[in-house]
Amino acid sequence: MLNDDILKITMDIQNQYPELLKYLEEMPVTIPTEKNPAITAANLQSYYESLQSILTKYKINQPVREYEYYPDRN
């Protein structure tokens, strides 16, 4: 379900990449231009795709974190 996917990727960003949270707050979908905007499946899909894009681009442009390859190390 799309809501579950949005929650999962948002939690991943929050837990693994908290430096990206500031961008989530600035996304157009989180700043409505209407007084009572409708939440549609298309809006949710667009939001999810935006989250994916932000995370993917960030991962591509960041150095690999050691714990991503060796999760048992501290």
PDB file of N, CA and C in Angstrom:
ATOM      1  N   MET A   1       0.837  -1.175   0.000  1.00  0.00           N
ATOM      2  CA  MET A   1       0.000   0.000   0.000  1.00  0.00           C
ATOM      3  C   MET A   1       0.887   1.245   0.000  1.00  0.00           C
ATOM      4  N   LEU A   2       0.460   2.250  -0.691  1.00  0.00           N
ATOM      5  CA  LEU A   2       1.263   3.456  -0.864  1.00  0.00           C
ATOM      6  C   LEU A   2       1.562   4.157   0.457  1.00  0.00           C
ATOM      7  N   ASN A   3       0.586   4.228   1.348  1.00  0.00           N
ATOM      8  CA  ASN A   3       0.825   4.863   2.650  1.00  0.00           C
ATOM      9  C   ASN A   3       1.925   4.137   3.418  1.00  0.00           C
ATOM     10  N   ASP A   4       1.927   2.824   3.351  1.00  0.00           N
ATOM     11  CA  ASP A   4       2.965   2.034   4.020  1.00  0.00           C
ATOM     12  C   ASP A   4       4.333   2.305   3.408  1.00  0.00           C
ATOM     13  N   ASP A   5       4.379   2.419   2.087  1.00  0.00           N
ATOM     14  CA  ASP A   5       5.639   2.705   1.402  1.00  0.00           C
ATOM     15  C   ASP A   5       6.172   4.079   1.798  1.00  0.00           C
ATOM     16  N   ILE A   6       5.283   5.050   1.888  1.00  0.00           N
ATOM     17  CA  ILE A   6       5.687   6.396   2.293  1.00  0.00           C
ATOM     18  C   ILE A   6       6.216   6.376   3.724  1.00  0.00           C
ATOM     19  N   LEU A   7       5.525   5.675   4.595  1.00  0.00           N
ATOM     20  CA  LEU A   7       5.972   5.576   5.985  1.00  0.00           C
ATOM     21  C   LEU A   7       7.336   4.900   6.069  1.00  0.00           C
ATOM     22  N   LYS A   8       7.512   3.825   5.332  1.00  0.00           N
ATOM     23  CA  LYS A   8       8.775   3.084   5.368  1.00  0.00           C
ATOM     24  C   LYS A   8       9.942   3.945   4.902  1.00  0.00           C
ATOM     25  N   ILE A   9       9.799   4.624   3.784  1.00  0.00           N
ATOM     26  CA  ILE A   9      10.908   5.426   3.269  1.00  0.00           C
ATOM     27  C   ILE A   9      11.152   6.646   4.162  1.00  0.00           C
ATOM     28  N   THR A  10      10.094   7.202   4.731  1.00  0.00           N
ATOM     29  CA  THR A  10      10.253   8.334   5.646  1.00  0.00           C
ATOM     30  C   THR A  10      10.990   7.901   6.903  1.00  0.00           C
ATOM     31  N   MET A  11      10.647   6.733   7.431  1.00  0.00           N
ATOM     32  CA  MET A  11      11.341   6.225   8.616  1.00  0.00           C
ATOM     33  C   MET A  11      12.799   5.897   8.299  1.00  0.00           C
ATOM     34  N   ASP A  12      13.054   5.373   7.125  1.00  0.00           N
ATOM     35  CA  ASP A  12      14.424   5.093   6.703  1.00  0.00           C
ATOM     36  C   ASP A  12      15.231   6.388   6.670  1.00  0.00           C
ATOM     37  N   ILE A  13      14.655   7.428   6.099  1.00  0.00           N
ATOM     38  CA  ILE A  13      15.331   8.723   6.055  1.00  0.00           C
ATOM     39  C   ILE A  13      15.563   9.233   7.478  1.00  0.00           C
ATOM     40  N   GLN A  14      14.551   9.158   8.299  1.00  0.00           N
ATOM     41  CA  GLN A  14      14.664   9.656   9.676  1.00  0.00           C
ATOM     42  C   GLN A  14      15.740   8.901  10.457  1.00  0.00           C
ATOM     43  N   ASN A  15      15.792   7.596  10.315  1.00  0.00           N
ATOM     44  CA  ASN A  15      16.724   6.787  11.098  1.00  0.00           C
ATOM     45  C   ASN A  15      18.124   6.710  10.516  1.00  0.00           C
ATOM     46  N   GLN A  16      18.229   6.663   9.198  1.00  0.00           N
ATOM     47  CA  GLN A  16      19.535   6.463   8.566  1.00  0.00           C
ATOM     48  C   GLN A  16      20.153   7.733   7.982  1.00  0.00           C
ATOM     49  N   TYR A  17      19.317   8.683   7.604  1.00  0.00           N
ATOM     50  CA  TYR A  17      19.803   9.887   6.933  1.00  0.00           C
ATOM     51  C   TYR A  17      19.099  11.128   7.489  1.00  0.00           C
ATOM     52  N   PRO A  18      19.203  11.386   8.784  1.00  0.00           N
ATOM     53  CA  PRO A  18      18.467  12.508   9.386  1.00  0.00           C
ATOM     54  C   PRO A  18      18.838  13.869   8.796  1.00  0.00           C
ATOM     55  N   GLU A  19      19.988  13.935   8.167  1.00  0.00           N
ATOM     56  CA  GLU A  19      20.395  15.185   7.528  1.00  0.00           C
ATOM     57  C   GLU A  19      19.476  15.562   6.362  1.00  0.00           C
ATOM     58  N   LEU A  20      18.677  14.620   5.891  1.00  0.00           N
ATOM     59  CA  LEU A  20      17.747  14.895   4.791  1.00  0.00           C
ATOM     60  C   LEU A  20      16.393  15.416   5.272  1.00  0.00           C
ATOM     61  N   LEU A  21      16.127  15.340   6.551  1.00  0.00           N
ATOM     62  CA  LEU A  21      14.812  15.749   7.067  1.00  0.00           C
ATOM     63  C   LEU A  21      14.458  17.187   6.716  1.00  0.00           C
ATOM     64  N   LYS A  22      15.447  18.053   6.683  1.00  0.00           N
ATOM     65  CA  LYS A  22      15.158  19.459   6.362  1.00  0.00           C
ATOM     66  C   LYS A  22      14.574  19.602   4.955  1.00  0.00           C
ATOM     67  N   TYR A  23      14.962  18.715   4.057  1.00  0.00           N
ATOM     68  CA  TYR A  23      14.434  18.784   2.693  1.00  0.00           C
ATOM     69  C   TYR A  23      12.991  18.292   2.613  1.00  0.00           C
ATOM     70  N   LEU A  24      12.637  17.362   3.471  1.00  0.00           N
ATOM     71  CA  LEU A  24      11.270  16.858   3.469  1.00  0.00           C
ATOM     72  C   LEU A  24      10.292  17.954   3.874  1.00  0.00           C
ATOM     73  N   GLU A  25      10.686  18.763   4.821  1.00  0.00           N
ATOM     74  CA  GLU A  25       9.824  19.852   5.287  1.00  0.00           C
ATOM     75  C   GLU A  25       9.629  20.927   4.222  1.00  0.00           C
ATOM     76  N   GLU A  26      10.575  21.016   3.292  1.00  0.00           N
ATOM     77  CA  GLU A  26      10.520  22.048   2.259  1.00  0.00           C
ATOM     78  C   GLU A  26       9.862  21.581   0.963  1.00  0.00           C
ATOM     79  N   MET A  27       9.484  20.310   0.902  1.00  0.00           N
ATOM     80  CA  MET A  27       8.891  19.788  -0.326  1.00  0.00           C
ATOM     81  C   MET A  27       7.550  20.460  -0.586  1.00  0.00           C
ATOM     82  N   PRO A  28       7.241  20.763  -1.839  1.00  0.00           N
ATOM     83  CA  PRO A  28       5.969  21.435  -2.157  1.00  0.00           C
ATOM     84  C   PRO A  28       4.737  20.699  -1.642  1.00  0.00           C
ATOM     85  N   VAL A  29       4.776  19.384  -1.613  1.00  0.00           N
ATOM     86  CA  VAL A  29       3.608  18.632  -1.163  1.00  0.00           C
ATOM     87  C   VAL A  29       3.352  18.842   0.327  1.00  0.00           C
ATOM     88  N   THR A  30       4.380  19.205   1.090  1.00  0.00           N
ATOM     89  CA  THR A  30       4.200  19.425   2.524  1.00  0.00           C
ATOM     90  C   THR A  30       3.867  20.877   2.849  1.00  0.00           C
ATOM     91  N   ILE A  31       3.897  21.728   1.840  1.00  0.00           N
ATOM     92  CA  ILE A  31       3.540  23.140   2.017  1.00  0.00           C
ATOM     93  C   ILE A  31       2.361  23.426   1.082  1.00  0.00           C
ATOM     94  N   PRO A  32       1.147  23.198   1.535  1.00  0.00           N
ATOM     95  CA  PRO A  32      -0.010  23.360   0.645  1.00  0.00           C
ATOM     96  C   PRO A  32      -0.207  24.802   0.216  1.00  0.00           C
ATOM     97  N   THR A  33      -0.655  24.959  -1.018  1.00  0.00           N
ATOM     98  CA  THR A  33      -0.953  26.293  -1.531  1.00  0.00           C
ATOM     99  C   THR A  33      -2.434  26.607  -1.398  1.00  0.00           C
ATOM    100  N   GLU A  34      -3.222  25.584  -1.089  1.00  0.00           N
ATOM    101  CA  GLU A  34      -4.654  25.763  -0.894  1.00  0.00           C
ATOM    102  C   GLU A  34      -4.971  25.686   0.594  1.00  0.00           C
ATOM    103  N   LYS A  35      -6.117  26.255   0.967  1.00  0.00           N
ATOM    104  CA  LYS A  35      -6.506  26.235   2.372  1.00  0.00           C
ATOM    105  C   LYS A  35      -6.794  24.810   2.852  1.00  0.00           C
ATOM    106  N   ASN A  36      -7.537  24.043   2.104  1.00  0.00           N
ATOM    107  CA  ASN A  36      -7.860  22.656   2.446  1.00  0.00           C
ATOM    108  C   ASN A  36      -7.570  21.762   1.241  1.00  0.00           C
ATOM    109  N   PRO A  37      -6.292  21.445   1.014  1.00  0.00           N
ATOM    110  CA  PRO A  37      -5.961  20.657  -0.180  1.00  0.00           C
ATOM    111  C   PRO A  37      -6.466  19.217  -0.070  1.00  0.00           C
ATOM    112  N   ALA A  38      -6.877  18.679  -1.196  1.00  0.00           N
ATOM    113  CA  ALA A  38      -7.329  17.290  -1.247  1.00  0.00           C
ATOM    114  C   ALA A  38      -6.114  16.376  -1.313  1.00  0.00           C
ATOM    115  N   ILE A  39      -6.195  15.261  -0.614  1.00  0.00           N
ATOM    116  CA  ILE A  39      -5.141  14.256  -0.670  1.00  0.00           C
ATOM    117  C   ILE A  39      -5.625  13.164  -1.616  1.00  0.00           C
ATOM    118  N   THR A  40      -4.960  13.063  -2.744  1.00  0.00           N
ATOM    119  CA  THR A  40      -5.359  12.091  -3.752  1.00  0.00           C
ATOM    120  C   THR A  40      -4.275  11.026  -3.913  1.00  0.00           C
ATOM    121  N   ALA A  41      -4.624   9.936  -4.558  1.00  0.00           N
ATOM    122  CA  ALA A  41      -3.652   8.884  -4.836  1.00  0.00           C
ATOM    123  C   ALA A  41      -2.515   9.430  -5.697  1.00  0.00           C
ATOM    124  N   ALA A  42      -2.849  10.306  -6.617  1.00  0.00           N
ATOM    125  CA  ALA A  42      -1.813  10.900  -7.479  1.00  0.00           C
ATOM    126  C   ALA A  42      -0.857  11.763  -6.663  1.00  0.00           C
ATOM    127  N   ASN A  43      -1.392  12.524  -5.707  1.00  0.00           N
ATOM    128  CA  ASN A  43      -0.540  13.347  -4.844  1.00  0.00           C
ATOM    129  C   ASN A  43       0.382  12.472  -4.002  1.00  0.00           C
ATOM    130  N   LEU A  44      -0.171  11.401  -3.444  1.00  0.00           N
ATOM    131  CA  LEU A  44       0.634  10.491  -2.633  1.00  0.00           C
ATOM    132  C   LEU A  44       1.710   9.802  -3.470  1.00  0.00           C
ATOM    133  N   GLN A  45       1.369   9.398  -4.671  1.00  0.00           N
ATOM    134  CA  GLN A  45       2.350   8.769  -5.560  1.00  0.00           C
ATOM    135  C   GLN A  45       3.465   9.741  -5.893  1.00  0.00           C
ATOM    136  N   SER A  46       3.117  10.969  -6.185  1.00  0.00           N
ATOM    137  CA  SER A  46       4.115  11.990  -6.483  1.00  0.00           C
ATOM    138  C   SER A  46       5.027  12.233  -5.288  1.00  0.00           C
ATOM    139  N   TYR A  47       4.441  12.282  -4.104  1.00  0.00           N
ATOM    140  CA  TYR A  47       5.212  12.480  -2.885  1.00  0.00           C
ATOM    141  C   TYR A  47       6.174  11.315  -2.668  1.00  0.00           C
ATOM    142  N   TYR A  48       5.685  10.102  -2.842  1.00  0.00           N
ATOM    143  CA  TYR A  48       6.535   8.922  -2.679  1.00  0.00           C
ATOM    144  C   TYR A  48       7.694   8.944  -3.678  1.00  0.00           C
ATOM    145  N   GLU A  49       7.410   9.265  -4.910  1.00  0.00           N
ATOM    146  CA  GLU A  49       8.456   9.331  -5.927  1.00  0.00           C
ATOM    147  C   GLU A  49       9.483  10.411  -5.597  1.00  0.00           C
ATOM    148  N   SER A  50       9.031  11.515  -5.028  1.00  0.00           N
ATOM    149  CA  SER A  50       9.951  12.572  -4.605  1.00  0.00           C
ATOM    150  C   SER A  50      10.857  12.090  -3.479  1.00  0.00           C
ATOM    151  N   LEU A  51      10.293  11.365  -2.524  1.00  0.00           N
ATOM    152  CA  LEU A  51      11.092  10.811  -1.433  1.00  0.00           C
ATOM    153  C   LEU A  51      12.141   9.846  -1.970  1.00  0.00           C
ATOM    154  N   GLN A  52      11.720   8.979  -2.876  1.00  0.00           N
ATOM    155  CA  GLN A  52      12.652   8.028  -3.484  1.00  0.00           C
ATOM    156  C   GLN A  52      13.785   8.763  -4.202  1.00  0.00           C
ATOM    157  N   SER A  53      13.438   9.786  -4.933  1.00  0.00           N
ATOM    158  CA  SER A  53      14.421  10.540  -5.698  1.00  0.00           C
ATOM    159  C   SER A  53      15.448  11.211  -4.777  1.00  0.00           C
ATOM    160  N   ILE A  54      14.961  11.841  -3.728  1.00  0.00           N
ATOM    161  CA  ILE A  54      15.860  12.499  -2.778  1.00  0.00           C
ATOM    162  C   ILE A  54      16.824  11.488  -2.174  1.00  0.00           C
ATOM    163  N   LEU A  55      16.301  10.371  -1.725  1.00  0.00           N
ATOM    164  CA  LEU A  55      17.128   9.367  -1.070  1.00  0.00           C
ATOM    165  C   LEU A  55      18.115   8.735  -2.055  1.00  0.00           C
ATOM    166  N   THR A  56      17.671   8.408  -3.230  1.00  0.00           N
ATOM    167  CA  THR A  56      18.545   7.795  -4.231  1.00  0.00           C
ATOM    168  C   THR A  56      19.675   8.729  -4.622  1.00  0.00           C
ATOM    169  N   LYS A  57      19.354   9.975  -4.904  1.00  0.00           N
ATOM    170  CA  LYS A  57      20.386  10.945  -5.285  1.00  0.00           C
ATOM    171  C   LYS A  57      21.383  11.162  -4.148  1.00  0.00           C
ATOM    172  N   TYR A  58      20.881  11.200  -2.936  1.00  0.00           N
ATOM    173  CA  TYR A  58      21.759  11.391  -1.785  1.00  0.00           C
ATOM    174  C   TYR A  58      22.719  10.210  -1.644  1.00  0.00           C
ATOM    175  N   LYS A  59      22.198   8.999  -1.747  1.00  0.00           N
ATOM    176  CA  LYS A  59      23.043   7.815  -1.615  1.00  0.00           C
ATOM    177  C   LYS A  59      24.113   7.761  -2.700  1.00  0.00           C
ATOM    178  N   ILE A  60      23.770   8.152  -3.901  1.00  0.00           N
ATOM    179  CA  ILE A  60      24.725   8.144  -5.008  1.00  0.00           C
ATOM    180  C   ILE A  60      25.862   9.131  -4.761  1.00  0.00           C
ATOM    181  N   ASN A  61      25.548  10.261  -4.172  1.00  0.00           N
ATOM    182  CA  ASN A  61      26.530  11.337  -4.013  1.00  0.00           C
ATOM    183  C   ASN A  61      27.263  11.336  -2.681  1.00  0.00           C
ATOM    184  N   GLN A  62      26.968  10.395  -1.810  1.00  0.00           N
ATOM    185  CA  GLN A  62      27.620  10.342  -0.501  1.00  0.00           C
ATOM    186  C   GLN A  62      28.596   9.172  -0.443  1.00  0.00           C
ATOM    187  N   PRO A  63      29.668   9.342   0.328  1.00  0.00           N
ATOM    188  CA  PRO A  63      30.582   8.200   0.491  1.00  0.00           C
ATOM    189  C   PRO A  63      29.881   7.065   1.234  1.00  0.00           C
ATOM    190  N   VAL A  64      30.321   5.868   1.001  1.00  0.00           N
ATOM    191  CA  VAL A  64      29.733   4.691   1.638  1.00  0.00           C
ATOM    192  C   VAL A  64      30.054   4.730   3.122  1.00  0.00           C
ATOM    193  N   ARG A  65      29.048   4.481   3.929  1.00  0.00           N
ATOM    194  CA  ARG A  65      29.246   4.414   5.371  1.00  0.00           C
ATOM    195  C   ARG A  65      29.698   3.008   5.720  1.00  0.00           C
ATOM    196  N   GLU A  66      30.691   2.900   6.562  1.00  0.00           N
ATOM    197  CA  GLU A  66      31.257   1.593   6.891  1.00  0.00           C
ATOM    198  C   GLU A  66      30.202   0.638   7.424  1.00  0.00           C
ATOM    199  N   TYR A  67      29.296   1.118   8.261  1.00  0.00           N
ATOM    200  CA  TYR A  67      28.318   0.220   8.858  1.00  0.00           C
ATOM    201  C   TYR A  67      27.297  -0.309   7.868  1.00  0.00           C
ATOM    202  N   GLU A  68      27.227   0.262   6.678  1.00  0.00           N
ATOM    203  CA  GLU A  68      26.319  -0.276   5.679  1.00  0.00           C
ATOM    204  C   GLU A  68      26.835  -1.627   5.172  1.00  0.00           C
ATOM    205  N   TYR A  69      28.168  -1.797   5.202  1.00  0.00           N
ATOM    206  CA  TYR A  69      28.752  -3.060   4.754  1.00  0.00           C
ATOM    207  C   TYR A  69      29.042  -4.002   5.917  1.00  0.00           C
ATOM    208  N   TYR A  70      29.273  -3.454   7.085  1.00  0.00           N
ATOM    209  CA  TYR A  70      29.594  -4.243   8.263  1.00  0.00           C
ATOM    210  C   TYR A  70      28.671  -3.865   9.405  1.00  0.00           C
ATOM    211  N   PRO A  71      27.406  -4.271   9.315  1.00  0.00           N
ATOM    212  CA  PRO A  71      26.423  -3.836  10.320  1.00  0.00           C
ATOM    213  C   PRO A  71      26.710  -4.343  11.725  1.00  0.00           C
ATOM    214  N   ASP A  72      27.527  -5.394  11.873  1.00  0.00           N
ATOM    215  CA  ASP A  72      27.808  -5.932  13.199  1.00  0.00           C
ATOM    216  C   ASP A  72      28.928  -5.186  13.917  1.00  0.00           C
ATOM    217  N   ARG A  73      29.658  -4.366  13.199  1.00  0.00           N
ATOM    218  CA  ARG A  73      30.737  -3.594  13.824  1.00  0.00           C
ATOM    219  C   ARG A  73      30.181  -2.395  14.567  1.00  0.00           C
ATOM    220  N   ASN A  74      30.857  -2.005  15.617  1.00  0.00           N
ATOM    221  CA  ASN A  74      30.469  -0.809  16.386  1.00  0.00           C
ATOM    222  C   ASN A  74      31.552   0.218  16.335  1.00  0.00           C
TER     223      ASN A  74
END
